[in-house]
Amino acid sequence: MKKQPGFTLIELSIVLLVTGLLLSGMLGAYQSQTEASRIRETRQAMREAREAIIGFALSRGHLPCPANPALANSAAAAGQEVRSGATGSCTYLDGVLPWATLGVKESDAWGKRYSYRVTDYFADASNASIGPSATCTPAVDPAVSFAICSVGDITILPQAGALGGIPSVAVIVSHGKNLRGAYGPQGGARLRGLAGDEQENADGDASFVDHPFAHDANPLAAAYYDDLMEWVSPSILIGKMATAGRLP
């Protein structure tokens, strides 16, 4: 009887191995493209939020305050800036982007809120305080809370503990794919697992770190860094305010 042609077990194993390798490569390429798309989407949303913050200042004379990070997005006041009705100062200097106040996106492409910090005397509703190092007089317009010589108290560093840095009056942070330090749409506390330079972006102080990605094999390792950041420079904000006639 004539034998029917067919595949041997070895041949089938080779076919399955090659197919697995091809599928693995295709999956890796798809995941890389998806991640690149999320990064582009998040960067664009952050740039739009930065422009909305500057537009808010041009309209109101001060920067927006952070929103309460503990509120779930189902709460009535979620995403609204929080400031004292009596003093006009921010209730929080460090919180989340007031997305509802600004009319921008609540979350980044990984579904977590943007952290947001602001300099108090750039965001309060009074021109009585214009900054500790300011030597000029307040703006003629009492609605403008800072002066042409005011400087920010936020510093953008190339790494934690570095000297110098870039001055800023407000900063927006996406905590990236590994989500360390991010607030979720359900509110509550920051996600844990903080380490390294990413910890500097979620410790509640006025120092932040911005540098290229450092993708360690373990996303929870101290060397891993995938945060994204946008900030408002005092010189750019004051220049736009002067151009608009809000500052002399």
Protein backbone atom coordinates (compact mmCIF):
# COMPACT_ATOMS: atom_id res chain seq x y z
CA MET A 1 0.00 0.00 0.00
CA LYS A 2 1.26 3.43 -0.94
CA LYS A 3 2.08 5.73 2.00
CA GLN A 4 0.15 9.02 2.12
CA PRO A 5 2.44 12.05 2.15
CA GLY A 6 2.31 14.13 5.35
CA PHE A 7 4.30 16.05 7.92
CA THR A 8 6.50 14.32 10.44
CA LEU A 9 6.43 15.39 14.10
CA ILE A 10 9.75 17.17 13.62
CA GLU A 11 8.43 19.12 10.65
CA LEU A 12 5.26 20.06 12.54
CA SER A 13 7.37 21.21 15.48
CA ILE A 14 9.47 23.42 13.20
CA VAL A 15 6.35 24.94 11.61
CA LEU A 16 4.85 25.67 15.03
CA LEU A 17 8.12 27.19 16.25
CA VAL A 18 8.43 29.47 13.22
CA THR A 19 4.75 30.48 13.50
CA GLY A 20 5.23 31.26 17.19
CA LEU A 21 8.26 33.40 16.47
CA LEU A 22 6.40 35.31 13.76
CA LEU A 23 3.39 35.89 16.00
CA SER A 24 5.65 36.97 18.86
CA GLY A 25 7.42 39.47 16.62
CA MET A 26 4.12 40.81 15.31
CA LEU A 27 2.76 41.14 18.87
CA GLY A 28 5.90 42.97 19.98
CA ALA A 29 5.66 45.38 17.05
CA TYR A 30 1.95 45.96 17.75
CA GLN A 31 2.63 46.65 21.44
CA SER A 32 5.43 49.08 20.53
CA GLN A 33 3.18 50.94 18.08
CA THR A 34 0.37 51.07 20.63
CA GLU A 35 2.68 52.45 23.30
CA ALA A 36 4.13 55.06 20.93
CA SER A 37 0.59 56.13 20.04
CA ARG A 38 -0.30 56.49 23.73
CA ILE A 39 2.77 58.62 24.34
CA ARG A 40 1.92 60.90 21.39
CA GLU A 41 -1.70 61.19 22.54
CA THR A 42 -0.65 62.05 26.08
CA ARG A 43 1.95 64.60 25.02
CA GLN A 44 -0.60 66.34 22.79
CA ALA A 45 -3.19 66.43 25.59
CA MET A 46 -0.59 67.87 27.98
CA ARG A 47 0.37 70.60 25.51
CA GLU A 48 -3.31 71.49 25.17
CA ALA A 49 -3.67 71.59 28.97
CA ARG A 50 -0.62 73.85 29.22
CA GLU A 51 -2.14 76.29 26.72
CA ALA A 52 -5.44 76.16 28.61
CA ILE A 53 -3.62 77.06 31.83
CA ILE A 54 -1.99 80.08 30.16
CA GLY A 55 -5.34 81.07 28.65
CA PHE A 56 -6.95 80.86 32.08
CA ALA A 57 -4.29 83.23 33.47
CA LEU A 58 -4.77 85.68 30.61
CA SER A 59 -8.51 85.72 31.31
CA ARG A 60 -8.56 85.63 35.11
CA GLY A 61 -5.24 87.22 36.07
CA HIS A 62 -3.98 84.16 37.94
CA LEU A 63 -3.23 80.49 37.34
CA PRO A 64 -5.81 77.81 38.15
CA CYS A 65 -5.52 75.94 41.44
CA PRO A 66 -5.23 72.14 41.52
CA ALA A 67 -8.34 70.01 41.84
CA ASN A 68 -8.94 67.69 44.78
CA PRO A 69 -7.21 64.39 43.89
CA ALA A 70 -9.27 62.39 46.39
CA LEU A 71 -12.62 62.93 44.65
CA ALA A 72 -13.98 60.29 42.30
CA ASN A 73 -14.92 61.65 38.89
CA SER A 74 -18.57 60.98 39.71
CA ALA A 75 -18.49 63.66 42.44
CA ALA A 76 -20.09 67.01 41.64
CA ALA A 77 -16.90 69.00 42.31
CA ALA A 78 -14.49 66.59 40.62
CA GLY A 79 -12.03 68.31 38.30
CA GLN A 80 -12.84 71.79 39.61
CA GLU A 81 -10.07 74.00 40.95
CA VAL A 82 -10.30 74.35 44.73
CA ARG A 83 -9.62 77.73 46.31
CA SER A 84 -10.69 79.51 49.47
CA GLY A 85 -13.69 81.78 49.00
CA ALA A 86 -12.42 83.98 51.83
CA THR A 87 -8.79 84.49 50.80
CA GLY A 88 -8.75 83.44 47.14
CA SER A 89 -5.74 81.19 47.77
CA CYS A 90 -5.42 77.58 46.63
CA THR A 91 -6.60 74.87 48.99
CA TYR A 92 -4.01 72.53 47.46
CA LEU A 93 -0.75 73.50 45.79
CA ASP A 94 -0.22 69.90 44.74
CA GLY A 95 -3.10 67.84 43.38
CA VAL A 96 -4.51 66.96 39.98
CA LEU A 97 -5.09 69.00 36.86
CA PRO A 98 -8.44 70.84 37.17
CA TRP A 99 -9.73 69.31 33.97
CA ALA A 100 -13.34 70.42 34.38
CA THR A 101 -12.34 74.02 35.09
CA LEU A 102 -10.06 74.12 32.04
CA GLY A 103 -12.19 72.02 29.69
CA VAL A 104 -9.41 69.50 28.99
CA LYS A 105 -8.99 65.73 29.36
CA GLU A 106 -9.08 64.22 32.83
CA SER A 107 -6.75 61.31 32.17
CA ASP A 108 -3.73 60.34 30.12
CA ALA A 109 -3.71 57.50 27.59
CA TRP A 110 -3.15 54.97 30.41
CA GLY A 111 -6.36 56.06 32.15
CA LYS A 112 -4.79 57.94 35.09
CA ARG A 113 -5.14 61.59 36.07
CA TYR A 114 -2.50 64.23 35.45
CA SER A 115 -0.74 65.47 38.56
CA TYR A 116 -0.55 69.26 38.78
CA ARG A 117 1.37 71.67 40.99
CA VAL A 118 1.25 75.47 41.00
CA THR A 119 3.14 78.35 42.63
CA ASP A 120 0.88 79.86 45.28
CA TYR A 121 1.39 83.56 44.52
CA PHE A 122 0.81 82.97 40.79
CA ALA A 123 -2.50 81.25 41.53
CA ASP A 124 -4.06 83.23 44.37
CA ALA A 125 -6.66 85.90 43.66
CA SER A 126 -4.80 88.77 45.31
CA ASN A 127 -1.91 90.95 44.16
CA ALA A 128 -0.76 91.50 47.75
CA SER A 129 1.81 88.70 47.38
CA ILE A 130 3.94 88.61 44.25
CA GLY A 131 6.72 86.29 45.36
CA PRO A 132 9.50 86.25 47.95
CA SER A 133 12.21 87.43 45.53
CA ALA A 134 10.10 90.04 43.75
CA THR A 135 11.40 93.59 44.11
CA CYS A 136 8.96 95.42 41.87
CA THR A 137 5.47 96.67 42.65
CA PRO A 138 2.28 94.66 42.10
CA ALA A 139 0.42 94.92 38.83
CA VAL A 140 -1.77 97.98 38.34
CA ASP A 141 -4.70 95.64 37.67
CA PRO A 142 -5.69 94.27 41.11
CA ALA A 143 -7.05 91.12 39.44
CA VAL A 144 -3.52 90.11 38.36
CA SER A 145 -1.98 88.18 41.23
CA PHE A 146 1.69 88.42 40.19
CA ALA A 147 4.06 91.10 38.95
CA ILE A 148 6.32 91.38 35.93
CA CYS A 149 9.30 90.49 38.13
CA SER A 150 7.68 87.51 39.89
CA VAL A 151 9.46 84.16 39.65
CA GLY A 152 8.15 80.65 40.19
CA ASP A 153 9.04 78.39 43.10
CA ILE A 154 8.93 75.11 41.13
CA THR A 155 12.17 73.62 39.80
CA ILE A 156 12.50 71.12 36.94
CA LEU A 157 15.67 69.05 37.45
CA PRO A 158 17.54 66.65 35.13
CA GLN A 159 17.68 64.14 38.00
CA ALA A 160 16.76 63.98 41.68
CA GLY A 161 19.16 65.94 43.86
CA ALA A 162 20.74 67.86 40.96
CA LEU A 163 21.71 71.51 41.37
CA GLY A 164 20.20 74.33 39.34
CA GLY A 165 17.24 73.38 37.22
CA ILE A 166 14.60 75.20 35.19
CA PRO A 167 12.21 77.55 37.05
CA SER A 168 8.49 77.01 36.57
CA VAL A 169 5.21 78.40 37.90
CA ALA A 170 3.09 75.31 37.16
CA VAL A 171 3.81 71.72 36.14
CA ILE A 172 1.72 68.87 34.69
CA VAL A 173 2.85 65.25 35.07
CA SER A 174 1.67 62.05 33.43
CA HIS A 175 3.06 59.13 35.39
CA GLY A 176 3.33 56.98 32.30
CA LYS A 177 2.77 53.32 31.60
CA ASN A 178 3.94 52.00 34.98
CA LEU A 179 1.51 54.44 36.70
CA ARG A 180 3.71 54.93 39.78
CA GLY A 181 2.53 58.01 41.69
CA ALA A 182 -0.63 58.54 39.62
CA TYR A 183 -4.15 59.26 40.86
CA GLY A 184 -6.94 57.20 39.33
CA PRO A 185 -10.38 58.42 38.20
CA GLN A 186 -11.85 56.85 41.34
CA GLY A 187 -9.90 59.34 43.48
CA GLY A 188 -8.15 58.30 46.67
CA ALA A 189 -4.40 58.11 47.18
CA ARG A 190 -1.57 57.92 44.67
CA LEU A 191 -0.64 54.51 43.30
CA ARG A 192 2.29 53.03 45.19
CA GLY A 193 5.60 51.55 44.11
CA LEU A 194 7.44 54.88 43.94
CA ALA A 195 11.20 54.83 43.50
CA GLY A 196 14.06 56.79 41.95
CA ASP A 197 13.43 59.91 39.89
CA GLU A 198 9.73 59.09 39.56
CA GLN A 199 9.38 59.47 43.30
CA GLU A 200 10.49 63.11 42.98
CA ASN A 201 7.47 63.73 40.75
CA ALA A 202 4.99 62.46 43.34
CA ASP A 203 6.36 63.48 46.75
CA GLY A 204 4.35 66.70 47.10
CA ASP A 205 7.25 69.18 47.03
CA ALA A 206 8.21 71.78 44.42
CA SER A 207 11.06 69.80 42.80
CA PHE A 208 10.39 67.69 39.71
CA VAL A 209 12.53 65.57 37.41
CA ASP A 210 12.26 65.48 33.63
CA HIS A 211 14.58 63.44 31.41
CA PRO A 212 14.38 60.87 28.60
CA PHE A 213 12.83 57.50 29.33
CA ALA A 214 14.94 54.94 31.20
CA HIS A 215 13.27 51.58 30.59
CA ASP A 216 14.73 49.05 32.98
CA ALA A 217 13.59 45.45 32.59
CA ASN A 218 11.56 45.79 35.78
CA PRO A 219 9.02 48.66 35.59
CA LEU A 220 9.13 48.94 39.40
CA ALA A 221 12.91 49.32 39.60
CA ALA A 222 14.37 52.61 40.85
CA ALA A 223 16.15 53.18 37.54
CA TYR A 224 12.93 52.93 35.52
CA TYR A 225 11.52 56.30 34.36
CA ASP A 226 8.62 56.85 31.99
CA ASP A 227 7.01 60.07 33.28
CA LEU A 228 5.93 62.77 30.84
CA MET A 229 5.93 66.44 31.78
CA GLU A 230 4.87 69.90 30.64
CA TRP A 231 5.48 73.09 32.59
CA VAL A 232 4.71 76.80 32.41
CA SER A 233 7.77 79.03 32.34
CA PRO A 234 7.45 82.30 34.30
CA SER A 235 9.07 84.25 31.47
CA ILE A 236 6.65 82.87 28.85
CA LEU A 237 3.59 83.47 31.05
CA ILE A 238 4.66 87.01 31.98
CA GLY A 239 5.54 87.75 28.34
CA LYS A 240 2.07 86.68 27.20
CA MET A 241 0.44 88.69 29.99
CA ALA A 242 2.45 91.77 28.95
CA THR A 243 1.55 91.27 25.28
CA ALA A 244 -2.13 91.06 26.27
CA GLY A 245 -1.82 94.28 28.27
CA ARG A 246 -2.42 92.59 31.64
CA LEU A 247 1.06 93.54 32.87
CA PRO A 248 3.08 96.72 32.18
